[in-house]
PDB file of N, CA and C in Angstrom:
ATOM      1  N   UNK A   1     135.966  81.917  88.554  1.00  0.00           N
ATOM      2  CA  UNK A   1     135.249  82.342  87.828  1.00  0.00           C
ATOM      3  C   UNK A   1     135.566  84.200  87.541  1.00  0.00           C
ATOM      4  N   UNK A   2     136.330  84.591  85.762  1.00  0.00           N
ATOM      5  CA  UNK A   2     136.132  85.994  85.935  1.00  0.00           C
ATOM      6  C   UNK A   2     135.111  86.436  85.439  1.00  0.00           C
ATOM      7  N   UNK A   3     135.042  88.126  86.203  1.00  0.00           N
ATOM      8  CA  UNK A   3     133.846  88.933  85.759  1.00  0.00           C
ATOM      9  C   UNK A   3     134.395  89.703  85.500  1.00  0.00           C
ATOM     10  N   UNK A   4     133.573  90.351  84.330  1.00  0.00           N
ATOM     11  CA  UNK A   4     133.814  92.166  83.691  1.00  0.00           C
ATOM     12  C   UNK A   4     133.004  92.647  83.700  1.00  0.00           C
ATOM     13  N   UNK A   5     133.546  93.802  84.606  1.00  0.00           N
ATOM     14  CA  UNK A   5     131.896  94.534  84.584  1.00  0.00           C
ATOM     15  C   UNK A   5     132.465  95.686  83.933  1.00  0.00           C
ATOM     16  N   UNK A   6     131.702  96.392  83.068  1.00  0.00           N
ATOM     17  CA  UNK A   6     131.028  97.801  82.517  1.00  0.00           C
ATOM     18  C   UNK A   6     130.615  98.668  82.489  1.00  0.00           C
ATOM     19  N   UNK A   7     130.520  99.795  82.704  1.00  0.00           N
ATOM     20  CA  UNK A   7     129.104 100.657  82.439  1.00  0.00           C
ATOM     21  C   UNK A   7     129.491 102.013  82.466  1.00  0.00           C
ATOM     22  N   UNK A   8     128.329 102.709  81.539  1.00  0.00           N
ATOM     23  CA  UNK A   8     128.622 104.222  81.511  1.00  0.00           C
ATOM     24  C   UNK A   8     126.997 104.568  81.663  1.00  0.00           C
ATOM     25  N   UNK A   9     127.766 105.974  82.129  1.00  0.00           N
ATOM     26  CA  UNK A   9     125.962 106.547  82.371  1.00  0.00           C
ATOM     27  C   UNK A   9     126.217 107.949  81.491  1.00  0.00           C
ATOM     28  N   UNK A  10     124.787 108.536  81.525  1.00  0.00           N
ATOM     29  CA  UNK A  10     124.221 109.479  80.480  1.00  0.00           C
ATOM     30  C   UNK A  10     125.770 111.120  81.020  1.00  0.00           C
ATOM     31  N   UNK A  11     126.242 110.833  81.580  1.00  0.00           N
ATOM     32  CA  UNK A  11     127.087 111.737  82.101  1.00  0.00           C
ATOM     33  C   UNK A  11     128.134 111.408  82.014  1.00  0.00           C
ATOM     34  N   UNK A  12     128.415 110.210  80.877  1.00  0.00           N
ATOM     35  CA  UNK A  12     129.569 109.691  80.558  1.00  0.00           C
ATOM     36  C   UNK A  12     131.136 109.119  81.448  1.00  0.00           C
ATOM     37  N   UNK A  13     130.257 109.067  82.747  1.00  0.00           N
ATOM     38  CA  UNK A  13     130.781 108.332  83.612  1.00  0.00           C
ATOM     39  C   UNK A  13     131.213 106.787  83.544  1.00  0.00           C
ATOM     40  N   UNK A  14     132.052 106.076  83.497  1.00  0.00           N
ATOM     41  CA  UNK A  14     132.333 105.138  82.973  1.00  0.00           C
ATOM     42  C   UNK A  14     133.503 104.551  84.594  1.00  0.00           C
ATOM     43  N   UNK A  15     132.412 102.309  84.658  1.00  0.00           N
ATOM     44  CA  UNK A  15     133.471 102.468  85.224  1.00  0.00           C
ATOM     45  C   UNK A  15     133.708 100.922  84.908  1.00  0.00           C
ATOM     46  N   UNK A  16     135.167  99.823  84.618  1.00  0.00           N
ATOM     47  CA  UNK A  16     135.439  98.816  83.894  1.00  0.00           C
ATOM     48  C   UNK A  16     136.236  98.350  85.433  1.00  0.00           C
ATOM     49  N   UNK A  17     136.209  97.234  85.396  1.00  0.00           N
ATOM     50  CA  UNK A  17     137.037  96.567  86.562  1.00  0.00           C
ATOM     51  C   UNK A  17     136.868  94.586  86.034  1.00  0.00           C
ATOM     52  N   UNK A  18     137.489  94.146  86.340  1.00  0.00           N
ATOM     53  CA  UNK A  18     137.858  92.624  86.125  1.00  0.00           C
ATOM     54  C   UNK A  18     137.949  92.068  87.576  1.00  0.00           C
ATOM     55  N   UNK A  19     137.449  91.136  88.072  1.00  0.00           N
ATOM     56  CA  UNK A  19     137.294  90.690  89.571  1.00  0.00           C
ATOM     57  C   UNK A  19     136.962  88.706  88.997  1.00  0.00           C
ATOM     58  N   UNK A  20     137.154  88.096  89.987  1.00  0.00           N
ATOM     59  CA  UNK A  20     137.336  87.007  90.433  1.00  0.00           C
ATOM     60  C   UNK A  20     135.980  87.254  90.914  1.00  0.00           C
ATOM     61  N   UNK A  21     134.716  85.961  91.065  1.00  0.00           N
ATOM     62  CA  UNK A  21     133.707  86.152  91.187  1.00  0.00           C
ATOM     63  C   UNK A  21     133.222  84.527  91.302  1.00  0.00           C
ATOM     64  N   UNK A  22     131.936  84.160  92.014  1.00  0.00           N
ATOM     65  CA  UNK A  22     131.410  82.920  91.523  1.00  0.00           C
ATOM     66  C   UNK A  22     129.774  82.615  91.175  1.00  0.00           C
ATOM     67  N   UNK A  23     129.391  81.802  90.295  1.00  0.00           N
ATOM     68  CA  UNK A  23     128.336  81.281  90.172  1.00  0.00           C
ATOM     69  C   UNK A  23     127.711  80.227  90.663  1.00  0.00           C
ATOM     70  N   UNK A  24     126.721  80.495  92.322  1.00  0.00           N
ATOM     71  CA  UNK A  24     125.936  79.355  92.395  1.00  0.00           C
ATOM     72  C   UNK A  24     124.575  79.232  91.696  1.00  0.00           C
ATOM     73  N   UNK A  25     124.139  78.693  90.882  1.00  0.00           N
ATOM     74  CA  UNK A  25     123.071  78.096  90.602  1.00  0.00           C
ATOM     75  C   UNK A  25     123.114  79.466  89.750  1.00  0.00           C
ATOM     76  N   UNK A  26     121.885  80.170  89.850  1.00  0.00           N
ATOM     77  CA  UNK A  26     121.512  81.109  89.017  1.00  0.00           C
ATOM     78  C   UNK A  26     122.355  82.482  89.794  1.00  0.00           C
ATOM     79  N   UNK A  27     122.975  82.589  90.929  1.00  0.00           N
ATOM     80  CA  UNK A  27     123.224  84.009  91.712  1.00  0.00           C
ATOM     81  C   UNK A  27     125.014  83.809  91.120  1.00  0.00           C
ATOM     82  N   UNK A  28     125.172  85.047  90.529  1.00  0.00           N
ATOM     83  CA  UNK A  28     126.701  85.372  90.582  1.00  0.00           C
ATOM     84  C   UNK A  28     126.916  86.462  91.259  1.00  0.00           C
ATOM     85  N   UNK A  29     127.909  85.911  92.173  1.00  0.00           N
ATOM     86  CA  UNK A  29     128.532  86.981  93.115  1.00  0.00           C
ATOM     87  C   UNK A  29     130.127  87.371  92.668  1.00  0.00           C
ATOM     88  N   UNK A  30     130.113  89.116  93.415  1.00  0.00           N
ATOM     89  CA  UNK A  30     131.312  89.576  93.453  1.00  0.00           C
ATOM     90  C   UNK A  30     131.510  90.419  93.857  1.00  0.00           C
ATOM     91  N   UNK A  31     132.832  90.968  93.944  1.00  0.00           N
ATOM     92  CA  UNK A  31     133.253  92.371  94.954  1.00  0.00           C
ATOM     93  C   UNK A  31     133.036  93.516  93.822  1.00  0.00           C
ATOM     94  N   UNK A  32     132.405  94.280  94.294  1.00  0.00           N
ATOM     95  CA  UNK A  32     131.606  95.594  93.558  1.00  0.00           C
ATOM     96  C   UNK A  32     132.907  96.746  93.553  1.00  0.00           C
ATOM     97  N   UNK A  33     134.184  96.443  92.520  1.00  0.00           N
ATOM     98  CA  UNK A  33     135.222  97.242  92.754  1.00  0.00           C
ATOM     99  C   UNK A  33     135.003  98.664  92.700  1.00  0.00           C
ATOM    100  N   UNK A  34     134.239  99.020  92.552  1.00  0.00           N
ATOM    101  CA  UNK A  34     133.620 100.576  92.244  1.00  0.00           C
ATOM    102  C   UNK A  34     133.270 101.396  93.521  1.00  0.00           C
ATOM    103  N   UNK A  35     133.109 100.426  94.809  1.00  0.00           N
ATOM    104  CA  UNK A  35     132.635 100.819  96.034  1.00  0.00           C
ATOM    105  C   UNK A  35     133.334 100.406  96.922  1.00  0.00           C
ATOM    106  N   UNK A  36     134.130 100.984  97.810  1.00  0.00           N
ATOM    107  CA  UNK A  36     134.802  99.877  98.792  1.00  0.00           C
ATOM    108  C   UNK A  36     133.792  99.102  99.719  1.00  0.00           C
ATOM    109  N   UNK A  37     134.578  97.921 100.181  1.00  0.00           N
ATOM    110  CA  UNK A  37     133.344  97.092 100.858  1.00  0.00           C
ATOM    111  C   UNK A  37     132.031  96.981 100.717  1.00  0.00           C
ATOM    112  N   UNK A  38     131.985  96.644  99.494  1.00  0.00           N
ATOM    113  CA  UNK A  38     130.500  96.242  98.574  1.00  0.00           C
ATOM    114  C   UNK A  38     130.631  95.086  97.721  1.00  0.00           C
ATOM    115  N   UNK A  39     129.867  94.008  98.009  1.00  0.00           N
ATOM    116  CA  UNK A  39     129.464  93.015  97.338  1.00  0.00           C
ATOM    117  C   UNK A  39     128.441  93.325  96.199  1.00  0.00           C
ATOM    118  N   UNK A  40     128.717  92.647  95.109  1.00  0.00           N
ATOM    119  CA  UNK A  40     127.212  92.708  94.235  1.00  0.00           C
ATOM    120  C   UNK A  40     126.386  91.325  93.946  1.00  0.00           C
ATOM    121  N   UNK A  41     125.490  90.951  94.420  1.00  0.00           N
ATOM    122  CA  UNK A  41     124.644  89.505  94.160  1.00  0.00           C
ATOM    123  C   UNK A  41     123.754  90.204  92.946  1.00  0.00           C
ATOM    124  N   UNK A  42     123.799  88.847  92.097  1.00  0.00           N
ATOM    125  CA  UNK A  42     123.558  89.487  90.873  1.00  0.00           C
ATOM    126  C   UNK A  42     122.299  88.018  90.292  1.00  0.00           C
ATOM    127  N   UNK A  43     121.298  88.088  90.516  1.00  0.00           N
ATOM    128  CA  UNK A  43     119.921  86.912  90.304  1.00  0.00           C
ATOM    129  C   UNK A  43     119.893  86.875  89.049  1.00  0.00           C
ATOM    130  N   UNK A  44     120.217  86.168  88.425  1.00  0.00           N
ATOM    131  CA  UNK A  44     120.319  85.807  86.973  1.00  0.00           C
ATOM    132  C   UNK A  44     118.476  84.983  86.729  1.00  0.00           C
ATOM    133  N   UNK A  45     117.405  85.624  86.273  1.00  0.00           N
ATOM    134  CA  UNK A  45     116.261  84.783  85.876  1.00  0.00           C
ATOM    135  C   UNK A  45     116.152  84.971  84.369  1.00  0.00           C
ATOM    136  N   UNK A  46     115.489  83.808  84.159  1.00  0.00           N
ATOM    137  CA  UNK A  46     115.202  84.055  82.882  1.00  0.00           C
ATOM    138  C   UNK A  46     114.882  85.395  81.958  1.00  0.00           C
ATOM    139  N   UNK A  47     113.720  86.103  82.250  1.00  0.00           N
ATOM    140  CA  UNK A  47     113.619  86.999  81.892  1.00  0.00           C
ATOM    141  C   UNK A  47     113.605  88.253  82.751  1.00  0.00           C
ATOM    142  N   UNK A  48     114.549  88.573  83.865  1.00  0.00           N
ATOM    143  CA  UNK A  48     114.801  89.789  84.986  1.00  0.00           C
ATOM    144  C   UNK A  48     115.927  89.176  85.362  1.00  0.00           C
ATOM    145  N   UNK A  49     116.659  90.293  86.041  1.00  0.00           N
ATOM    146  CA  UNK A  49     117.578  90.674  86.644  1.00  0.00           C
ATOM    147  C   UNK A  49     117.429  90.817  87.815  1.00  0.00           C
ATOM    148  N   UNK A  50     118.063  90.723  89.297  1.00  0.00           N
ATOM    149  CA  UNK A  50     118.143  91.152  90.008  1.00  0.00           C
ATOM    150  C   UNK A  50     118.893  91.879  90.718  1.00  0.00           C
ATOM    151  N   UNK A  51     119.453  92.540  91.017  1.00  0.00           N
ATOM    152  CA  UNK A  51     120.735  92.857  91.563  1.00  0.00           C
ATOM    153  C   UNK A  51     120.853  94.028  92.888  1.00  0.00           C
ATOM    154  N   UNK A  52     121.467  93.241  93.735  1.00  0.00           N
ATOM    155  CA  UNK A  52     121.648  93.823  94.927  1.00  0.00           C
ATOM    156  C   UNK A  52     123.222  93.794  95.376  1.00  0.00           C
ATOM    157  N   UNK A  53     123.343  95.079  95.935  1.00  0.00           N
ATOM    158  CA  UNK A  53     124.979  95.922  96.623  1.00  0.00           C
ATOM    159  C   UNK A  53     124.547  95.629  97.738  1.00  0.00           C
ATOM    160  N   UNK A  54     125.431  95.149  98.739  1.00  0.00           N
ATOM    161  CA  UNK A  54     125.557  94.824 100.125  1.00  0.00           C
ATOM    162  C   UNK A  54     126.894  95.166 100.792  1.00  0.00           C
ATOM    163  N   UNK A  55     126.852  96.381 101.521  1.00  0.00           N
ATOM    164  CA  UNK A  55     128.248  96.597 102.062  1.00  0.00           C
ATOM    165  C   UNK A  55     127.999  98.292 102.792  1.00  0.00           C
ATOM    166  N   UNK A  56     129.188  98.918 102.426  1.00  0.00           N
ATOM    167  CA  UNK A  56     129.100 100.107 102.431  1.00  0.00           C
ATOM    168  C   UNK A  56     127.860 101.522 101.840  1.00  0.00           C
ATOM    169  N   UNK A  57     127.516 100.420 100.273  1.00  0.00           N
ATOM    170  CA  UNK A  57     126.310 100.772  99.665  1.00  0.00           C
ATOM    171  C   UNK A  57     125.322  99.691  99.885  1.00  0.00           C
ATOM    172  N   UNK A  58     124.607 100.012 100.086  1.00  0.00           N
ATOM    173  CA  UNK A  58     123.128  98.752 100.033  1.00  0.00           C
ATOM    174  C   UNK A  58     121.851  99.464  99.222  1.00  0.00           C
ATOM    175  N   UNK A  59     121.715  98.879  97.692  1.00  0.00           N
ATOM    176  CA  UNK A  59     120.536  98.922  96.662  1.00  0.00           C
ATOM    177  C   UNK A  59     120.331  97.857  95.917  1.00  0.00           C
ATOM    178  N   UNK A  60     118.969  97.707  95.742  1.00  0.00           N
ATOM    179  CA  UNK A  60     117.819  96.878  95.713  1.00  0.00           C
ATOM    180  C   UNK A  60     117.885  97.010  93.856  1.00  0.00           C
ATOM    181  N   UNK A  61     117.960  96.613  92.916  1.00  0.00           N
ATOM    182  CA  UNK A  61     117.120  96.623  91.528  1.00  0.00           C
ATOM    183  C   UNK A  61     117.134  95.613  90.938  1.00  0.00           C
ATOM    184  N   UNK A  62     115.968  95.556  90.050  1.00  0.00           N
ATOM    185  CA  UNK A  62     115.431  94.599  89.397  1.00  0.00           C
ATOM    186  C   UNK A  62     115.213  95.125  88.062  1.00  0.00           C
ATOM    187  N   UNK A  63     115.366  94.150  86.759  1.00  0.00           N
ATOM    188  CA  UNK A  63     115.372  95.003  85.599  1.00  0.00           C
ATOM    189  C   UNK A  63     114.454  93.750  85.296  1.00  0.00           C
ATOM    190  N   UNK A  64     113.685  94.505  84.531  1.00  0.00           N
ATOM    191  CA  UNK A  64     112.417  93.714  83.569  1.00  0.00           C
ATOM    192  C   UNK A  64     112.290  94.191  82.292  1.00  0.00           C
ATOM    193  N   UNK A  65     112.219  93.993  80.984  1.00  0.00           N
ATOM    194  CA  UNK A  65     112.477  94.534  79.873  1.00  0.00           C
ATOM    195  C   UNK A  65     111.166  95.256  80.275  1.00  0.00           C
ATOM    196  N   UNK A  66     111.341  96.360  79.373  1.00  0.00           N
ATOM    197  CA  UNK A  66     110.294  97.637  79.058  1.00  0.00           C
ATOM    198  C   UNK A  66     108.996  97.875  80.454  1.00  0.00           C
ATOM    199  N   UNK A  67     109.583  97.906  81.843  1.00  0.00           N
ATOM    200  CA  UNK A  67     108.895  97.456  83.017  1.00  0.00           C
ATOM    201  C   UNK A  67     109.402  99.194  83.365  1.00  0.00           C
ATOM    202  N   UNK A  68     108.639  99.366  84.549  1.00  0.00           N
ATOM    203  CA  UNK A  68     109.282  99.926  85.724  1.00  0.00           C
ATOM    204  C   UNK A  68     108.872  99.420  86.815  1.00  0.00           C
ATOM    205  N   UNK A  69     110.253  99.344  87.802  1.00  0.00           N
ATOM    206  CA  UNK A  69     109.925  98.712  89.305  1.00  0.00           C
ATOM    207  C   UNK A  69     110.404  99.578  90.153  1.00  0.00           C
ATOM    208  N   UNK A  70     110.278  99.577  91.454  1.00  0.00           N
ATOM    209  CA  UNK A  70     110.632 100.302  92.436  1.00  0.00           C
ATOM    210  C   UNK A  70     111.992  99.635  93.399  1.00  0.00           C
ATOM    211  N   UNK A  71     113.127 100.474  93.691  1.00  0.00           N
ATOM    212  CA  UNK A  71     114.202  99.637  93.967  1.00  0.00           C
ATOM    213  C   UNK A  71     114.470 100.883  95.124  1.00  0.00           C
ATOM    214  N   UNK A  72     115.441 100.328  95.881  1.00  0.00           N
ATOM    215  CA  UNK A  72     116.013 101.929  96.934  1.00  0.00           C
ATOM    216  C   UNK A  72     117.604 101.747  96.994  1.00  0.00           C
ATOM    217  N   UNK A  73     117.897 102.525  97.613  1.00  0.00           N
ATOM    218  CA  UNK A  73     119.255 102.625  97.940  1.00  0.00           C
ATOM    219  C   UNK A  73     119.654 103.269  99.482  1.00  0.00           C
ATOM    220  N   UNK A  74     120.464 102.660  99.963  1.00  0.00           N
ATOM    221  CA  UNK A  74     120.942 103.505 101.337  1.00  0.00           C
ATOM    222  C   UNK A  74     122.631 103.502 101.336  1.00  0.00           C
ATOM    223  N   UNK A  75     123.290 104.109 101.790  1.00  0.00           N
ATOM    224  CA  UNK A  75     124.824 104.086 101.848  1.00  0.00           C
ATOM    225  C   UNK A  75     124.999 104.054 103.678  1.00  0.00           C
ATOM    226  N   UNK A  76     126.396 104.054 104.307  1.00  0.00           N
ATOM    227  CA  UNK A  76     126.474 104.107 105.370  1.00  0.00           C
ATOM    228  C   UNK A  76     126.177 105.298 106.523  1.00  0.00           C
ATOM    229  N   UNK A  77     126.722 106.388 105.488  1.00  0.00           N
ATOM    230  CA  UNK A  77     126.297 107.719 105.759  1.00  0.00           C
ATOM    231  C   UNK A  77     124.706 107.950 106.594  1.00  0.00           C
ATOM    232  N   UNK A  78     123.988 107.332 106.205  1.00  0.00           N
ATOM    233  CA  UNK A  78     122.728 107.085 106.239  1.00  0.00           C
ATOM    234  C   UNK A  78     121.918 107.710 105.472  1.00  0.00           C
ATOM    235  N   UNK A  79     122.537 108.060 104.178  1.00  0.00           N
ATOM    236  CA  UNK A  79     121.299 108.386 103.024  1.00  0.00           C
ATOM    237  C   UNK A  79     121.024 107.581 102.562  1.00  0.00           C
ATOM    238  N   UNK A  80     119.396 107.712 102.051  1.00  0.00           N
ATOM    239  CA  UNK A  80     118.211 106.278 102.206  1.00  0.00           C
ATOM    240  C   UNK A  80     117.333 107.337 101.218  1.00  0.00           C
ATOM    241  N   UNK A  81     116.725 106.890  99.846  1.00  0.00           N
ATOM    242  CA  UNK A  81     115.837 106.899  99.544  1.00  0.00           C
ATOM    243  C   UNK A  81     115.381 105.817  98.444  1.00  0.00           C
ATOM    244  N   UNK A  82     114.224 105.773  97.699  1.00  0.00           N
ATOM    245  CA  UNK A  82     113.564 104.682  96.883  1.00  0.00           C
ATOM    246  C   UNK A  82     113.948 105.449  95.227  1.00  0.00           C
ATOM    247  N   UNK A  83     113.490 104.683  94.630  1.00  0.00           N
ATOM    248  CA  UNK A  83     114.465 104.746  93.031  1.00  0.00           C
ATOM    249  C   UNK A  83     113.428 104.019  92.330  1.00  0.00           C
ATOM    250  N   UNK A  84     113.123 104.152  91.395  1.00  0.00           N
ATOM    251  CA  UNK A  84     112.303 103.655  90.080  1.00  0.00           C
ATOM    252  C   UNK A  84     113.053 103.163  88.665  1.00  0.00           C
ATOM    253  N   UNK A  85     113.590 102.067  88.109  1.00  0.00           N
ATOM    254  CA  UNK A  85     114.145 101.273  87.448  1.00  0.00           C
ATOM    255  C   UNK A  85     112.729 101.058  85.942  1.00  0.00           C
ATOM    256  N   UNK A  86     113.450 102.085  85.013  1.00  0.00           N
ATOM    257  CA  UNK A  86     112.913 101.891  84.173  1.00  0.00           C
ATOM    258  C   UNK A  86     113.329 101.115  83.002  1.00  0.00           C
ATOM    259  N   UNK A  87     113.313  99.995  82.702  1.00  0.00           N
ATOM    260  CA  UNK A  87     114.184  98.768  81.652  1.00  0.00           C
ATOM    261  C   UNK A  87     114.021  99.011  80.655  1.00  0.00           C
ATOM    262  N   UNK A  88     114.983  99.920  79.775  1.00  0.00           N
ATOM    263  CA  UNK A  88     114.761  99.637  78.376  1.00  0.00           C
ATOM    264  C   UNK A  88     114.894  98.594  77.367  1.00  0.00           C
ATOM    265  N   UNK A  89     116.261  97.865  77.875  1.00  0.00           N
ATOM    266  CA  UNK A  89     116.357  96.681  77.145  1.00  0.00           C
ATOM    267  C   UNK A  89     117.246  95.944  77.891  1.00  0.00           C
ATOM    268  N   UNK A  90     116.884  94.659  78.084  1.00  0.00           N
ATOM    269  CA  UNK A  90     117.580  93.629  78.786  1.00  0.00           C
ATOM    270  C   UNK A  90     118.114  92.063  77.584  1.00  0.00           C
ATOM    271  N   UNK A  91     119.103  92.053  77.645  1.00  0.00           N
ATOM    272  CA  UNK A  91     120.083  91.373  76.760  1.00  0.00           C
ATOM    273  C   UNK A  91     120.564  89.948  78.054  1.00  0.00           C
ATOM    274  N   UNK A  92     119.906  88.984  78.188  1.00  0.00           N
ATOM    275  CA  UNK A  92     120.834  87.846  79.140  1.00  0.00           C
ATOM    276  C   UNK A  92     120.909  86.608  78.247  1.00  0.00           C
ATOM    277  N   UNK A  93     122.258  86.307  78.210  1.00  0.00           N
ATOM    278  CA  UNK A  93     122.905  84.928  77.388  1.00  0.00           C
ATOM    279  C   UNK A  93     123.561  84.411  78.463  1.00  0.00           C
ATOM    280  N   UNK A  94     124.462  83.111  77.734  1.00  0.00           N
ATOM    281  CA  UNK A  94     124.862  82.427  78.626  1.00  0.00           C
ATOM    282  C   UNK A  94     125.838  83.031  79.313  1.00  0.00           C
ATOM    283  N   UNK A  95     126.756  83.956  78.513  1.00  0.00           N
ATOM    284  CA  UNK A  95     127.617  84.385  79.657  1.00  0.00           C
ATOM    285  C   UNK A  95     127.881  85.655  79.587  1.00  0.00           C
ATOM    286  N   UNK A  96     126.659  86.094  79.228  1.00  0.00           N
ATOM    287  CA  UNK A  96     126.792  88.077  78.997  1.00  0.00           C
ATOM    288  C   UNK A  96     125.511  88.375  79.665  1.00  0.00           C
ATOM    289  N   UNK A  97     125.486  89.477  80.110  1.00  0.00           N
ATOM    290  CA  UNK A  97     124.160  90.369  80.354  1.00  0.00           C
ATOM    291  C   UNK A  97     124.782  91.904  79.888  1.00  0.00           C
ATOM    292  N   UNK A  98     123.316  91.985  79.101  1.00  0.00           N
ATOM    293  CA  UNK A  98     124.048  93.755  78.635  1.00  0.00           C
ATOM    294  C   UNK A  98     122.265  94.368  79.801  1.00  0.00           C
ATOM    295  N   UNK A  99     122.534  95.110  79.888  1.00  0.00           N
ATOM    296  CA  UNK A  99     121.210  96.289  80.569  1.00  0.00           C
ATOM    297  C   UNK A  99     121.383  97.480  80.468  1.00  0.00           C
ATOM    298  N   UNK A 100     120.189  98.731  79.709  1.00  0.00           N
ATOM    299  CA  UNK A 100     120.033  99.832  79.158  1.00  0.00           C
ATOM    300  C   UNK A 100     118.765  99.989  80.054  1.00  0.00           C
ATOM    301  N   UNK A 101     118.782 101.117  81.432  1.00  0.00           N
ATOM    302  CA  UNK A 101     118.056 101.023  81.996  1.00  0.00           C
ATOM    303  C   UNK A 101     117.886 103.084  82.275  1.00  0.00           C
ATOM    304  N   UNK A 102     116.995 103.380  82.750  1.00  0.00           N
ATOM    305  CA  UNK A 102     116.701 104.816  83.741  1.00  0.00           C
ATOM    306  C   UNK A 102     116.475 104.519  84.777  1.00  0.00           C
ATOM    307  N   UNK A 103     117.299 105.624  85.291  1.00  0.00           N
ATOM    308  CA  UNK A 103     117.073 105.909  86.820  1.00  0.00           C
ATOM    309  C   UNK A 103     116.189 106.751  87.064  1.00  0.00           C
ATOM    310  N   UNK A 104     115.033 106.365  87.803  1.00  0.00           N
ATOM    311  CA  UNK A 104     114.043 107.451  88.416  1.00  0.00           C
ATOM    312  C   UNK A 104     114.036 107.925  89.380  1.00  0.00           C
ATOM    313  N   UNK A 105     114.023 109.501  90.186  1.00  0.00           N
ATOM    314  CA  UNK A 105     114.468 109.707  91.031  1.00  0.00           C
ATOM    315  C   UNK A 105     112.777 110.699  91.340  1.00  0.00           C
ATOM    316  N   UNK A 106     112.271 110.641  92.153  1.00  0.00           N
ATOM    317  CA  UNK A 106     111.277 111.500  92.535  1.00  0.00           C
ATOM    318  C   UNK A 106     110.217 112.094  90.665  1.00  0.00           C
ATOM    319  N   UNK A 107     110.142 110.655  90.414  1.00  0.00           N
ATOM    320  CA  UNK A 107     109.481 111.042  89.166  1.00  0.00           C
ATOM    321  C   UNK A 107     110.107 111.576  87.789  1.00  0.00           C
ATOM    322  N   UNK A 108     111.375 112.057  88.318  1.00  0.00           N
ATOM    323  CA  UNK A 108     112.312 112.614  87.096  1.00  0.00           C
ATOM    324  C   UNK A 108     113.775 111.574  86.929  1.00  0.00           C
ATOM    325  N   UNK A 109     113.842 111.591  85.750  1.00  0.00           N
ATOM    326  CA  UNK A 109     114.734 110.678  84.841  1.00  0.00           C
ATOM    327  C   UNK A 109     116.323 111.557  85.759  1.00  0.00           C
ATOM    328  N   UNK A 110     117.146 110.878  86.633  1.00  0.00           N
ATOM    329  CA  UNK A 110     117.984 111.586  87.312  1.00  0.00           C
ATOM    330  C   UNK A 110     119.131 111.029  85.925  1.00  0.00           C
ATOM    331  N   UNK A 111     119.175 109.608  85.166  1.00  0.00           N
ATOM    332  CA  UNK A 111     120.409 109.786  84.328  1.00  0.00           C
ATOM    333  C   UNK A 111     119.687 108.235  83.718  1.00  0.00           C
ATOM    334  N   UNK A 112     120.492 108.046  82.773  1.00  0.00           N
ATOM    335  CA  UNK A 112     120.549 106.750  81.616  1.00  0.00           C
ATOM    336  C   UNK A 112     121.778 105.892  82.124  1.00  0.00           C
ATOM    337  N   UNK A 113     121.540 104.607  82.235  1.00  0.00           N
ATOM    338  CA  UNK A 113     122.835 103.546  82.250  1.00  0.00           C
ATOM    339  C   UNK A 113     122.885 102.374  81.272  1.00  0.00           C
ATOM    340  N   UNK A 114     123.700 102.336  80.743  1.00  0.00           N
ATOM    341  CA  UNK A 114     124.154 100.655  80.451  1.00  0.00           C
ATOM    342  C   UNK A 114     124.983 100.068  80.680  1.00  0.00           C
ATOM    343  N   UNK A 115     125.058  98.570  81.293  1.00  0.00           N
ATOM    344  CA  UNK A 115     125.805  97.811  82.047  1.00  0.00           C
ATOM    345  C   UNK A 115     125.967  96.601  81.234  1.00  0.00           C
ATOM    346  N   UNK A 116     126.933  95.971  81.093  1.00  0.00           N
ATOM    347  CA  UNK A 116     127.771  95.148  80.664  1.00  0.00           C
ATOM    348  C   UNK A 116     128.442  93.840  81.236  1.00  0.00           C
ATOM    349  N   UNK A 117     127.634  92.771  81.923  1.00  0.00           N
ATOM    350  CA  UNK A 117     128.588  91.962  82.637  1.00  0.00           C
ATOM    351  C   UNK A 117     128.829  90.993  81.563  1.00  0.00           C
ATOM    352  N   UNK A 118     130.144  90.369  81.787  1.00  0.00           N
ATOM    353  CA  UNK A 118     130.937  89.311  81.060  1.00  0.00           C
ATOM    354  C   UNK A 118     131.281  88.429  82.150  1.00  0.00           C
ATOM    355  N   UNK A 119     131.023  87.369  82.063  1.00  0.00           N
ATOM    356  CA  UNK A 119     131.826  85.567  83.107  1.00  0.00           C
ATOM    357  C   UNK A 119     131.665  84.844  82.139  1.00  0.00           C
ATOM    358  N   UNK A 120     132.670  84.045  82.900  1.00  0.00           N
ATOM    359  CA  UNK A 120     133.099  82.929  82.384  1.00  0.00           C
ATOM    360  C   UNK A 120     134.185  82.353  83.178  1.00  0.00           C
TER     361      UNK A 120
END
């Protein structure tokens, strides 16, 4: 299965890559080309998305429309902290996911992000 990942943040940093992945029921699995030795496990539910990065970076994020949820970040160097994710918009379609969210660290909006994932 072909997966196209595209994101941009409030600092205008862009990530774009195409990779092979697999869809097992509602779990989309693919290599995170933005970070070495890291895999993305994307759980696609009817009204929310769970994004887990596993490898050199471990990160847990959940996206629920108009809600703030807790997540966490950890890298192989030992940097570890809790985050909050405020989902401004979440659109889940058959072969496409659009996410618009703010990343909150210590009650401060550190950055805003938009992610588009196409899979077919």
